[in-house]
Amino acid sequence: MKTDYEISLQAKKEKIEDVAAKIGISADKLIKYGDYKAKIKRENFDNLSENLVLVTSINPTSSGEGKSTVTVGLSDGLNKIGKKSTVALREPSFGPVLGRKGGATGGGYAQVVPMDEINLHFNGDFHAITSAHNAIMALINNHIFQGNELGFKKVMFNYVMDMNERALRRIKINANGKDERDSSFDITVASEIMAILCLAEDLEDLRSRIGDIMVGYNQDDKPIFAKDLGVEGVVVAILKDAMNPNLVQSLENNPAIIHGGPFANIAHGCNSVIATKTALKYSDYVITEAGFGADLGAEKFLDIKCRVSGLRPKAAVVVATIKALKLHGGVDESNLTEENLDALKEGVKNLEKHVENMKKYNLPVIVALNEFVTDTEAEIKFMEDWAKNFGVEFSLTQVWAKGGDGAIDLANKLVKLVENNKEDMKLLYEDNLSTEEKINTIAKEIYGAAKVNFTDEARAVLDKIDELGYRNFPVCMAKTPASLTDDGKIKGRPEGFEITVSDIKIKTGSRFIVAYLNKVLTMPGLPKHPNALDIDVDENDNIINLF
């Protein structure tokens, strides 16, 4: 069996200007990066299609769910049935690619290419975001060194790099000097600059958000903002080109717009507003995804990205696999290939919760069962019967093996859902609720928690939010993706549990409040044997062992 990377190497790619022409983007609107990649020049967003579809999933497991694979395959499937469709994805983070996560370009015959370039450096966006973030930090440190005119008492900013490096989670800067202080590194995808780039509508919105970043407090405990340092101009200059969305193609030569990449367990986990709106400007259907399960990425897509951008999806696709559902049903990872209907019956409760959650937003839902060769007829029959009894649309997808042809049934059923949907999507909570009420709403409605506990540190920030006038900000919940709870070891659909908000941070540039549940790391580490130790270049100049 060929690996994903071997399949991608054999792809017959079309010139990127020919791919762009399929959806009416002329060559003069492209900034080419070789033959098969380009950036699309930013423009006004008018006459946008309403047919935006969100792909999400159950809580992810070690067996993999194939959400990106289904997302790409579904867009190819829509093109197969005559719908002009574009897939809109996030960019992969370099750190996890060198770790063990793998990329975010799909798999099998439902991929976007050139896979190796997208996963390693792409068009330099993450480098620009890293540089922009660290430029702010350098200017803060220089301001303090040059006399501290703004009176920094506490710096609320740190460093970032796009690498998994646990040794940098806590550092000392200006060591042994009069300005010595503690600091830290986050991974670039957790940067507020990343979130801002993905939420900004244009350069002026970007400039405003950059200026609004709270970088510290002064001696009177008043906030200091990036605009007080006068750094907006240089940061916008660094990010100017990175604001243009990237165009590549699927293995079936259909357009794919990939831009931005905030982590969904820390930030809001969606590609950029600019990318999504660009796709909607030129396509009849746009298929996009949000990171991890529906409790994280989808909730944030709907309650943060849609709230600030005005975007409103017409349907949601929830991806699941029989393997993953059996894991949620208590099966050991070593026994996943064995038929186990009892475990499937228990594990499907996790899927039920995510379907119920999407319906709370008034969205029609279709479950896409991503087929594996180890799935048995009895297990597939169980899922078909479950869907009928649960009252949800269902499609068995085979996109890994068949590409767009494996999503024809899913595409046809989705089109019917979208065309028959006359309802408006609704948000989970109103802006005027307090931050505590918003956190409780998400925890109880989306996770199923019975109670939310707040540490003293978190409660102090709740008071600060009201004092500073940021009550109307939406909430970005940072928690483990592996569970509906704040404990990644708890699978399935638990009930009666409590969660703990350990910390809260005010992100005044991205304009949301981050609530940290339990211990969420913003700088990942590498495994004992990272994928980086296997990556190499062969005698034909091809990168090997990327995944």
Protein backbone atom coordinates (compact mmCIF):
# COMPACT_ATOMS: atom_id res chain seq x y z
CA MET A 1 0.00 0.00 0.00
CA LYS A 2 1.37 3.42 -0.98
CA THR A 3 1.91 6.02 1.70
CA ASP A 4 0.20 9.41 1.53
CA TYR A 5 3.50 10.98 0.52
CA GLU A 6 4.15 8.44 -2.24
CA ILE A 7 0.68 9.15 -3.61
CA SER A 8 1.35 12.89 -3.52
CA LEU A 9 4.65 12.52 -5.41
CA GLN A 10 2.84 10.80 -8.26
CA ALA A 11 0.23 13.55 -8.58
CA LYS A 12 -0.23 15.10 -12.02
CA LYS A 13 -0.35 18.72 -10.94
CA GLU A 14 -1.69 21.52 -13.12
CA LYS A 15 -0.11 24.96 -13.35
CA ILE A 16 -1.51 27.10 -10.59
CA GLU A 17 -2.89 29.72 -12.98
CA ASP A 18 -4.96 26.98 -14.66
CA VAL A 19 -6.32 25.86 -11.29
CA ALA A 20 -7.20 29.48 -10.46
CA ALA A 21 -9.00 29.90 -13.78
CA LYS A 22 -11.45 27.13 -12.88
CA ILE A 23 -13.08 29.42 -10.33
CA GLY A 24 -12.58 32.66 -12.25
CA ILE A 25 -9.40 33.99 -10.65
CA SER A 26 -7.34 35.63 -13.39
CA ALA A 27 -3.57 35.30 -13.58
CA ASP A 28 -3.04 38.98 -12.76
CA LYS A 29 -4.60 38.39 -9.32
CA LEU A 30 -1.95 35.79 -8.44
CA ILE A 31 1.48 36.16 -6.87
CA LYS A 32 3.15 32.95 -7.99
CA TYR A 33 5.52 30.89 -5.84
CA GLY A 34 6.75 28.56 -8.55
CA ASP A 35 4.48 26.55 -10.83
CA TYR A 36 2.11 25.06 -8.27
CA LYS A 37 1.64 27.60 -5.48
CA ALA A 38 0.46 31.18 -5.42
CA LYS A 39 -0.93 33.88 -3.21
CA ILE A 40 -4.20 35.55 -4.17
CA LYS A 41 -4.15 39.34 -4.02
CA ARG A 42 -6.63 40.68 -1.47
CA GLU A 43 -9.75 42.38 -2.76
CA ASN A 44 -13.24 43.44 -1.74
CA PHE A 45 -15.61 40.75 -0.58
CA ASP A 46 -18.87 41.19 -2.44
CA ASN A 47 -21.38 38.75 -3.94
CA LEU A 48 -20.30 35.93 -1.66
CA SER A 49 -21.88 32.50 -1.94
CA GLU A 50 -23.99 31.44 1.03
CA ASN A 51 -23.06 27.77 0.66
CA LEU A 52 -20.43 27.47 3.38
CA VAL A 53 -20.11 24.01 4.95
CA LEU A 54 -18.23 23.26 8.18
CA VAL A 55 -16.52 19.88 8.61
CA THR A 56 -15.86 18.80 12.18
CA SER A 57 -15.51 15.51 14.07
CA ILE A 58 -15.82 13.51 17.24
CA ASN A 59 -13.14 13.92 19.91
CA PRO A 60 -9.93 12.82 18.15
CA THR A 61 -8.18 9.60 19.09
CA SER A 62 -4.83 7.99 18.41
CA SER A 63 -6.39 5.99 15.56
CA GLY A 64 -7.07 9.15 13.51
CA GLU A 65 -10.43 10.35 12.20
CA GLY A 66 -9.43 11.73 8.78
CA LYS A 67 -11.23 15.07 9.10
CA SER A 68 -8.92 16.87 6.65
CA THR A 69 -9.10 13.88 4.29
CA VAL A 70 -12.91 13.98 4.26
CA THR A 71 -12.87 17.77 3.86
CA VAL A 72 -10.68 17.58 0.74
CA GLY A 73 -12.52 14.54 -0.63
CA LEU A 74 -15.91 16.18 -0.15
CA SER A 75 -14.85 19.25 -2.13
CA ASP A 76 -13.57 16.97 -4.90
CA GLY A 77 -16.84 15.04 -4.74
CA LEU A 78 -18.88 18.23 -5.15
CA ASN A 79 -16.85 19.11 -8.23
CA LYS A 80 -17.54 15.60 -9.54
CA ILE A 81 -21.31 16.25 -9.41
CA GLY A 82 -21.00 19.60 -11.16
CA LYS A 83 -20.76 22.03 -8.25
CA LYS A 84 -17.99 24.65 -8.34
CA SER A 85 -16.36 23.90 -4.99
CA THR A 86 -13.24 25.10 -3.20
CA VAL A 87 -11.77 23.64 -0.04
CA ALA A 88 -10.48 26.12 2.58
CA LEU A 89 -8.01 24.75 5.13
CA ARG A 90 -5.52 25.85 7.78
CA GLU A 91 -1.77 25.70 7.22
CA PRO A 92 0.09 22.93 9.08
CA SER A 93 2.39 23.88 11.95
CA PHE A 94 6.05 22.97 11.43
CA GLY A 95 6.52 21.85 15.04
CA PRO A 96 4.01 18.95 15.06
CA VAL A 97 5.18 17.85 11.60
CA LEU A 98 8.62 17.25 13.12
CA GLY A 99 7.00 15.67 16.18
CA ARG A 100 4.44 12.97 15.53
CA LYS A 101 1.14 14.55 14.52
CA GLY A 102 1.79 14.52 10.80
CA GLY A 103 0.54 17.17 8.43
CA ALA A 104 -2.80 18.74 7.69
CA THR A 105 -3.05 18.15 3.96
CA GLY A 106 -5.42 15.17 3.89
CA GLY A 107 -4.45 11.65 3.00
CA GLY A 108 -4.59 8.88 0.44
CA TYR A 109 -6.32 10.11 -2.73
CA ALA A 110 -7.95 13.06 -0.96
CA GLN A 111 -4.99 15.38 -0.49
CA VAL A 112 -3.80 18.85 -1.34
CA VAL A 113 -0.42 19.26 -3.05
CA PRO A 114 2.50 19.96 -3.09
CA MET A 115 2.24 18.18 0.25
CA ASP A 116 5.88 18.45 1.29
CA GLU A 117 6.14 22.19 0.62
CA ILE A 118 2.84 22.94 2.38
CA ASN A 119 3.93 21.01 5.47
CA LEU A 120 7.48 22.36 5.75
CA HIS A 121 7.70 26.03 4.75
CA PHE A 122 4.84 26.82 2.38
CA ASN A 123 4.89 30.49 1.35
CA GLY A 124 6.52 31.89 4.48
CA ASP A 125 3.41 32.91 6.44
CA PHE A 126 4.44 31.31 9.71
CA HIS A 127 7.91 32.84 9.45
CA ALA A 128 6.29 36.27 9.05
CA ILE A 129 3.97 35.68 12.01
CA THR A 130 6.87 34.51 14.19
CA SER A 131 8.97 37.52 13.18
CA ALA A 132 6.12 39.97 13.77
CA HIS A 133 5.41 38.58 17.24
CA ASN A 134 9.06 38.58 18.29
CA ALA A 135 9.57 42.08 16.88
CA ILE A 136 6.99 43.34 19.37
CA MET A 137 8.85 41.56 22.16
CA ALA A 138 12.18 43.04 21.06
CA LEU A 139 10.68 46.54 21.01
CA ILE A 140 9.18 46.05 24.48
CA ASN A 141 12.56 44.99 25.85
CA ASN A 142 14.32 47.90 24.15
CA HIS A 143 11.75 50.36 25.50
CA ILE A 144 12.41 49.12 29.04
CA PHE A 145 16.18 49.23 28.51
CA GLN A 146 16.02 52.78 27.15
CA GLY A 147 14.35 54.16 30.27
CA ASN A 148 10.87 52.57 30.49
CA GLU A 149 8.96 55.77 29.76
CA LEU A 150 5.65 53.86 29.79
CA GLY A 151 6.44 52.48 33.24
CA PHE A 152 6.21 48.75 32.57
CA LYS A 153 5.69 46.92 35.87
CA LYS A 154 4.60 43.63 34.34
CA VAL A 155 5.12 42.44 30.75
CA MET A 156 2.21 40.34 29.45
CA PHE A 157 3.92 39.31 26.23
CA ASN A 158 6.44 36.58 25.43
CA TYR A 159 8.28 34.90 22.55
CA VAL A 160 7.15 32.36 19.95
CA MET A 161 8.73 29.86 17.58
CA ASP A 162 7.17 27.26 15.27
CA MET A 163 8.80 24.31 16.96
CA ASN A 164 7.96 21.83 19.70
CA GLU A 165 10.55 22.80 22.34
CA ARG A 166 9.61 22.09 25.95
CA ALA A 167 12.92 23.54 27.24
CA LEU A 168 11.68 27.03 26.35
CA ARG A 169 8.41 26.90 28.27
CA ARG A 170 10.04 28.87 31.08
CA ILE A 171 13.11 31.06 30.59
CA LYS A 172 14.92 34.00 32.19
CA ILE A 173 15.84 37.02 30.12
CA ASN A 174 18.38 39.73 30.95
CA ALA A 175 19.95 37.11 33.21
CA ASN A 176 22.04 38.60 36.06
CA GLY A 177 21.08 42.13 35.02
CA LYS A 178 18.94 44.75 36.70
CA ASP A 179 16.05 43.99 34.32
CA GLU A 180 16.15 40.20 34.79
CA ARG A 181 12.71 38.66 34.60
CA ASP A 182 10.90 35.43 33.82
CA SER A 183 9.53 34.88 30.34
CA SER A 184 8.56 32.00 28.06
CA PHE A 185 8.03 30.75 24.53
CA ASP A 186 4.77 29.60 22.98
CA ILE A 187 4.53 27.77 19.69
CA THR A 188 3.76 30.19 16.83
CA VAL A 189 0.27 28.80 16.24
CA ALA A 190 -0.62 29.84 19.81
CA SER A 191 0.49 33.42 19.13
CA GLU A 192 -2.01 36.24 19.37
CA ILE A 193 -0.57 37.50 16.09
CA MET A 194 -1.69 34.24 14.46
CA ALA A 195 -5.20 34.68 15.81
CA ILE A 196 -5.28 38.31 14.69
CA LEU A 197 -4.14 37.51 11.15
CA CYS A 198 -6.87 34.89 10.89
CA LEU A 199 -9.63 37.21 12.15
CA ALA A 200 -8.64 40.48 10.44
CA GLU A 201 -10.74 41.54 7.44
CA ASP A 202 -8.07 43.74 5.82
CA LEU A 203 -4.83 45.63 6.55
CA GLU A 204 -6.57 48.41 8.46
CA ASP A 205 -8.37 45.92 10.66
CA LEU A 206 -5.02 44.17 11.13
CA ARG A 207 -3.39 47.47 12.14
CA SER A 208 -6.15 48.25 14.63
CA ARG A 209 -5.98 44.80 16.22
CA ILE A 210 -2.18 44.89 16.47
CA GLY A 211 -2.37 48.25 18.22
CA ASP A 212 -4.94 46.89 20.67
CA ILE A 213 -2.74 44.05 21.95
CA MET A 214 -2.32 44.41 25.71
CA VAL A 215 1.42 43.95 26.26
CA GLY A 216 1.67 44.77 29.97
CA TYR A 217 0.65 46.79 32.99
CA ASN A 218 2.23 49.96 34.37
CA GLN A 219 3.02 51.01 37.92
CA ASP A 220 -0.60 52.09 38.44
CA ASP A 221 -1.89 48.67 37.25
CA LYS A 222 -3.22 50.23 34.04
CA PRO A 223 -2.85 48.32 30.76
CA ILE A 224 -0.16 49.19 28.23
CA PHE A 225 -1.01 48.48 24.59
CA ALA A 226 1.13 47.84 21.55
CA LYS A 227 -0.06 51.15 20.09
CA ASP A 228 1.49 52.94 23.08
CA LEU A 229 4.85 51.66 21.79
CA GLY A 230 4.04 52.73 18.24
CA VAL A 231 4.78 49.30 16.75
CA GLU A 232 1.73 48.88 14.49
CA GLY A 233 3.44 50.09 11.32
CA VAL A 234 6.40 47.71 11.38
CA VAL A 235 4.24 44.74 12.35
CA VAL A 236 1.80 45.38 9.51
CA ALA A 237 4.77 45.73 7.15
CA ILE A 238 6.10 42.33 8.25
CA LEU A 239 2.66 40.74 7.80
CA LYS A 240 1.57 42.49 4.58
CA ASP A 241 2.32 39.60 2.23
CA ALA A 242 1.30 36.95 4.75
CA MET A 243 -2.20 38.45 4.73
CA ASN A 244 -2.72 37.18 1.16
CA PRO A 245 -4.34 33.71 1.15
CA ASN A 246 -2.50 30.80 -0.50
CA LEU A 247 -3.80 28.83 -3.48
CA VAL A 248 -2.84 25.22 -4.18
CA GLN A 249 -4.75 22.23 -5.58
CA SER A 250 -6.15 18.83 -4.67
CA LEU A 251 -4.93 15.65 -6.32
CA GLU A 252 -7.91 16.06 -8.68
CA ASN A 253 -6.67 19.56 -9.59
CA ASN A 254 -9.47 21.40 -7.82
CA PRO A 255 -8.67 24.67 -6.01
CA ALA A 256 -7.64 24.67 -2.35
CA ILE A 257 -7.14 27.88 -0.38
CA ILE A 258 -4.93 27.36 2.69
CA HIS A 259 -4.21 30.21 5.06
CA GLY A 260 -3.47 30.66 8.76
CA GLY A 261 -3.21 27.96 11.38
CA PRO A 262 -4.15 28.68 15.01
CA PHE A 263 -4.27 25.59 17.24
CA ALA A 264 -7.83 24.66 18.19
CA ASN A 265 -6.98 23.48 21.71
CA ILE A 266 -5.39 26.88 22.51
CA ALA A 267 -6.66 29.44 19.99
CA HIS A 268 -9.74 29.41 17.76
CA GLY A 269 -8.57 26.72 15.34
CA CYS A 270 -9.88 28.03 12.00
CA ASN A 271 -8.33 29.27 8.80
CA SER A 272 -8.44 32.99 8.05
CA VAL A 273 -11.58 35.02 7.46
CA ILE A 274 -9.89 36.37 4.33
CA ALA A 275 -9.32 32.85 2.98
CA THR A 276 -12.89 31.74 3.62
CA LYS A 277 -14.39 34.86 2.07
CA THR A 278 -12.05 34.65 -0.93
CA ALA A 279 -13.23 31.07 -1.52
CA LEU A 280 -16.88 32.16 -1.18
CA LYS A 281 -16.32 34.96 -3.68
CA TYR A 282 -15.21 32.57 -6.40
CA SER A 283 -17.06 29.33 -5.63
CA ASP A 284 -20.59 27.99 -5.35
CA TYR A 285 -19.66 25.76 -2.42
CA VAL A 286 -16.89 26.18 0.14
CA ILE A 287 -15.90 23.28 2.37
CA THR A 288 -13.90 24.29 5.43
CA GLU A 289 -12.85 22.59 8.65
CA ALA A 290 -12.14 23.53 12.24
CA GLY A 291 -9.48 21.85 14.35
CA PHE A 292 -10.02 18.83 16.60
CA GLY A 293 -13.56 17.84 17.62
CA ALA A 294 -16.78 19.81 17.51
CA ASP A 295 -16.39 20.71 21.20
CA LEU A 296 -13.30 22.78 20.35
CA GLY A 297 -12.78 23.86 16.74
CA ALA A 298 -16.42 23.90 15.64
CA GLU A 299 -17.62 25.73 18.75
CA LYS A 300 -14.96 28.39 18.23
CA PHE A 301 -15.60 28.59 14.48
CA LEU A 302 -19.25 29.32 15.19
CA ASP A 303 -19.00 31.42 18.36
CA ILE A 304 -15.84 33.40 17.50
CA LYS A 305 -15.10 33.40 13.76
CA CYS A 306 -18.73 33.55 12.63
CA ARG A 307 -19.59 36.10 15.31
CA VAL A 308 -16.91 38.59 14.23
CA SER A 309 -17.03 37.98 10.46
CA GLY A 310 -20.71 37.56 9.73
CA LEU A 311 -20.06 34.17 8.10
CA ARG A 312 -22.88 31.67 8.52
CA PRO A 313 -22.45 28.01 7.44
CA LYS A 314 -25.44 26.24 5.92
CA ALA A 315 -24.62 22.76 7.21
CA ALA A 316 -22.17 20.78 9.33
CA VAL A 317 -20.47 17.46 8.54
CA VAL A 318 -19.38 15.43 11.55
CA VAL A 319 -16.63 12.91 10.75
CA ALA A 320 -16.21 9.65 12.65
CA THR A 321 -14.52 6.29 12.20
CA ILE A 322 -15.49 2.92 13.58
CA LYS A 323 -11.99 2.54 15.05
CA ALA A 324 -12.24 5.83 16.93
CA LEU A 325 -15.73 5.10 18.20
CA LYS A 326 -14.53 1.75 19.55
CA LEU A 327 -11.73 3.58 21.37
CA HIS A 328 -14.35 5.86 22.91
CA GLY A 329 -16.22 2.68 23.84
CA GLY A 330 -13.33 1.39 25.90
CA VAL A 331 -11.47 -0.90 23.49
CA ASP A 332 -7.71 -1.11 23.87
CA GLU A 333 -5.77 0.35 20.94
CA SER A 334 -4.23 -3.05 20.19
CA ASN A 335 -7.66 -4.62 19.58
CA LEU A 336 -9.21 -2.07 17.23
CA THR A 337 -9.25 -4.39 14.18
CA GLU A 338 -11.47 -6.89 16.00
CA GLU A 339 -15.23 -6.60 15.55
CA ASN A 340 -16.82 -5.23 18.73
CA LEU A 341 -20.41 -4.08 18.50
CA ASP A 342 -20.73 -3.56 22.26
CA ALA A 343 -17.85 -1.06 22.25
CA LEU A 344 -19.29 0.63 19.18
CA LYS A 345 -22.66 0.99 20.93
CA GLU A 346 -20.95 2.67 23.88
CA GLY A 347 -18.54 4.80 21.81
CA VAL A 348 -21.22 6.18 19.48
CA LYS A 349 -22.47 8.24 22.43
CA ASN A 350 -19.52 10.59 21.81
CA LEU A 351 -20.71 11.08 18.25
CA GLU A 352 -24.26 11.67 19.45
CA LYS A 353 -23.10 14.53 21.67
CA HIS A 354 -21.27 16.28 18.84
CA VAL A 355 -24.27 15.94 16.51
CA GLU A 356 -26.54 17.35 19.21
CA ASN A 357 -24.13 20.25 19.71
CA MET A 358 -24.15 21.23 16.04
CA LYS A 359 -27.94 21.20 16.05
CA LYS A 360 -27.87 23.71 18.92
CA TYR A 361 -26.58 26.19 16.34
CA ASN A 362 -29.59 25.45 14.15
CA LEU A 363 -27.41 23.65 11.60
CA PRO A 364 -28.49 20.58 9.62
CA VAL A 365 -25.99 17.77 10.19
CA ILE A 366 -24.69 14.85 8.18
CA VAL A 367 -22.44 12.18 9.67
CA ALA A 368 -19.58 11.09 7.41
CA LEU A 369 -18.28 7.68 8.41
CA ASN A 370 -14.71 7.55 7.12
CA GLU A 371 -14.27 3.91 6.09
CA PHE A 372 -11.25 1.78 7.03
CA VAL A 373 -10.42 -1.60 5.49
CA THR A 374 -10.78 -3.22 8.93
CA ASP A 375 -14.42 -2.13 9.30
CA THR A 376 -16.75 -5.14 9.23
CA GLU A 377 -20.15 -5.39 7.53
CA ALA A 378 -21.84 -5.79 10.90
CA GLU A 379 -20.16 -2.64 12.26
CA ILE A 380 -21.12 -0.58 9.22
CA LYS A 381 -24.69 -1.92 9.44
CA PHE A 382 -24.77 -0.91 13.11
CA MET A 383 -23.81 2.66 12.18
CA GLU A 384 -26.40 2.85 9.40
CA ASP A 385 -29.12 1.64 11.78
CA TRP A 386 -27.91 4.01 14.50
CA ALA A 387 -28.20 6.99 12.14
CA LYS A 388 -31.77 6.08 11.18
CA ASN A 389 -32.81 5.68 14.80
CA PHE A 390 -30.99 8.86 15.87
CA GLY A 391 -32.57 10.85 13.04
CA VAL A 392 -29.39 12.12 11.38
CA GLU A 393 -28.31 11.98 7.74
CA PHE A 394 -25.51 9.49 7.16
CA SER A 395 -22.95 8.71 4.46
CA LEU A 396 -20.25 6.05 4.23
CA THR A 397 -17.26 7.80 2.66
CA GLN A 398 -14.30 6.17 0.90
CA VAL A 399 -12.27 9.23 0.00
CA TRP A 400 -8.88 7.88 1.18
CA ALA A 401 -9.05 5.09 -1.39
CA LYS A 402 -11.18 6.70 -4.11
CA GLY A 403 -10.77 10.46 -3.82
CA GLY A 404 -13.78 12.46 -4.98
CA ASP A 405 -15.52 9.33 -6.26
CA GLY A 406 -15.63 8.11 -2.65
CA ALA A 407 -17.63 11.20 -1.63
CA ILE A 408 -20.33 11.23 -4.33
CA ASP A 409 -23.01 10.01 -1.92
CA LEU A 410 -21.87 12.49 0.74
CA ALA A 411 -21.81 15.35 -1.79
CA ASN A 412 -25.32 14.63 -3.09
CA LYS A 413 -26.79 14.35 0.40
CA LEU A 414 -25.02 17.52 1.48
CA VAL A 415 -26.36 19.52 -1.46
CA LYS A 416 -29.90 18.49 -0.51
CA LEU A 417 -29.31 19.54 3.09
CA VAL A 418 -27.94 22.92 2.04
CA GLU A 419 -30.60 23.63 -0.58
CA ASN A 420 -33.42 22.71 1.79
CA ASN A 421 -32.05 24.70 4.72
CA LYS A 422 -34.11 27.86 5.06
CA GLU A 423 -33.10 28.48 8.68
CA ASP A 424 -30.51 30.93 9.98
CA MET A 425 -27.61 29.72 12.08
CA LYS A 426 -27.74 30.94 15.65
CA LEU A 427 -24.94 31.58 18.12
CA LEU A 428 -24.70 29.75 21.44
CA TYR A 429 -24.63 32.87 23.64
CA GLU A 430 -25.20 36.61 23.45
CA ASP A 431 -22.42 39.21 23.63
CA ASN A 432 -23.82 40.87 26.74
CA LEU A 433 -23.45 37.84 29.00
CA SER A 434 -20.62 38.02 31.52
CA THR A 435 -17.46 36.06 30.81
CA GLU A 436 -18.33 33.66 33.62
CA GLU A 437 -21.78 33.06 32.13
CA LYS A 438 -20.28 32.41 28.69
CA ILE A 439 -17.79 29.91 30.12
CA ASN A 440 -20.58 28.14 31.99
CA THR A 441 -22.74 28.05 28.87
CA ILE A 442 -20.02 26.43 26.76
CA ALA A 443 -19.01 23.97 29.49
CA LYS A 444 -22.53 22.84 30.27
CA GLU A 445 -24.14 23.01 26.83
CA ILE A 446 -21.25 21.80 24.65
CA TYR A 447 -19.18 19.60 26.98
CA GLY A 448 -22.01 18.40 29.21
CA ALA A 449 -20.32 19.51 32.43
CA ALA A 450 -22.34 19.69 35.63
CA LYS A 451 -20.26 22.44 37.24
CA VAL A 452 -17.44 24.88 36.47
CA ASN A 453 -14.85 25.68 39.13
CA PHE A 454 -12.61 28.76 38.99
CA THR A 455 -9.25 29.13 40.71
CA ASP A 456 -8.58 32.31 42.65
CA GLU A 457 -6.23 33.45 39.85
CA ALA A 458 -8.97 32.96 37.25
CA ARG A 459 -11.56 34.80 39.35
CA ALA A 460 -9.22 37.78 39.69
CA VAL A 461 -9.07 38.06 35.89
CA LEU A 462 -12.88 37.84 35.65
CA ASP A 463 -13.05 40.96 37.79
CA LYS A 464 -10.38 42.63 35.64
CA ILE A 465 -12.36 41.91 32.44
CA ASP A 466 -15.35 43.85 33.74
CA GLU A 467 -13.14 46.63 35.10
CA LEU A 468 -11.42 47.13 31.73
CA GLY A 469 -14.65 46.91 29.71
CA TYR A 470 -14.07 43.66 27.80
CA ARG A 471 -17.25 41.91 28.90
CA ASN A 472 -18.56 41.66 25.32
CA PHE A 473 -15.62 39.59 24.09
CA PRO A 474 -16.41 35.98 23.12
CA VAL A 475 -14.66 33.17 24.99
CA CYS A 476 -11.98 30.89 23.55
CA MET A 477 -11.79 27.73 25.66
CA ALA A 478 -8.35 26.11 25.88
CA LYS A 479 -8.63 22.45 26.85
CA THR A 480 -7.57 18.96 25.90
CA PRO A 481 -8.99 17.87 22.53
CA ALA A 482 -9.09 14.19 23.57
CA SER A 483 -12.13 14.43 25.82
CA LEU A 484 -15.34 16.36 26.40
CA THR A 485 -13.92 16.93 29.89
CA ASP A 486 -10.71 18.68 30.91
CA ASP A 487 -9.05 15.27 31.41
CA GLY A 488 -7.78 13.72 28.19
CA LYS A 489 -7.96 10.20 29.62
CA ILE A 490 -11.76 10.26 29.89
CA LYS A 491 -13.33 9.02 26.65
CA GLY A 492 -16.88 8.59 25.41
CA ARG A 493 -19.68 10.79 26.71
CA PRO A 494 -19.20 11.26 30.44
CA GLU A 495 -21.87 12.88 32.61
CA GLY A 496 -21.93 14.71 35.91
CA PHE A 497 -18.31 15.85 35.69
CA GLU A 498 -16.80 19.15 36.77
CA ILE A 499 -14.20 21.23 34.97
CA THR A 500 -11.70 23.70 36.40
CA VAL A 501 -10.73 27.03 34.86
CA SER A 502 -7.14 27.39 36.01
CA ASP A 503 -6.30 30.67 34.28
CA ILE A 504 -7.82 33.35 32.07
CA LYS A 505 -6.07 35.69 29.65
CA ILE A 506 -7.44 38.79 27.95
CA LYS A 507 -6.49 38.86 24.26
CA THR A 508 -7.36 42.44 23.34
CA GLY A 509 -5.93 42.24 19.82
CA SER A 510 -7.75 39.10 18.77
CA ARG A 511 -10.63 40.36 20.90
CA PHE A 512 -11.49 37.24 22.78
CA ILE A 513 -10.98 35.88 26.29
CA VAL A 514 -8.97 32.65 26.65
CA ALA A 515 -10.07 30.38 29.49
CA TYR A 516 -7.56 27.63 30.29
CA LEU A 517 -9.07 24.39 31.55
CA ASN A 518 -6.79 22.34 33.77
CA LYS A 519 -3.21 22.32 32.45
CA VAL A 520 -3.04 23.23 28.75
CA LEU A 521 0.45 23.59 27.30
CA THR A 522 1.04 26.42 24.84
CA MET A 523 4.46 25.03 23.90
CA PRO A 524 4.32 21.31 22.98
CA GLY A 525 7.20 18.88 23.45
CA LEU A 526 8.65 16.21 21.17
CA PRO A 527 8.04 12.46 21.68
CA LYS A 528 10.85 10.04 22.52
CA HIS A 529 11.29 9.27 18.82
CA PRO A 530 10.19 12.38 16.90
CA ASN A 531 9.27 12.12 13.25
CA ALA A 532 12.15 14.54 12.55
CA LEU A 533 14.66 11.71 13.07
CA ASP A 534 13.20 9.83 10.08
CA ILE A 535 12.88 12.69 7.58
CA ASP A 536 15.53 12.78 4.86
CA VAL A 537 16.15 13.51 1.17
CA ASP A 538 16.67 10.65 -1.31
CA GLU A 539 18.94 10.40 -4.37
CA ASN A 540 16.20 11.94 -6.54
CA ASP A 541 16.00 15.05 -4.35
CA ASN A 542 12.64 13.97 -2.90
CA ILE A 543 11.91 14.45 0.79
CA ILE A 544 11.20 11.04 2.32
CA ASN A 545 9.53 9.81 5.51
CA LEU A 546 7.67 13.07 6.00
CA PHE A 547 4.78 11.04 7.48
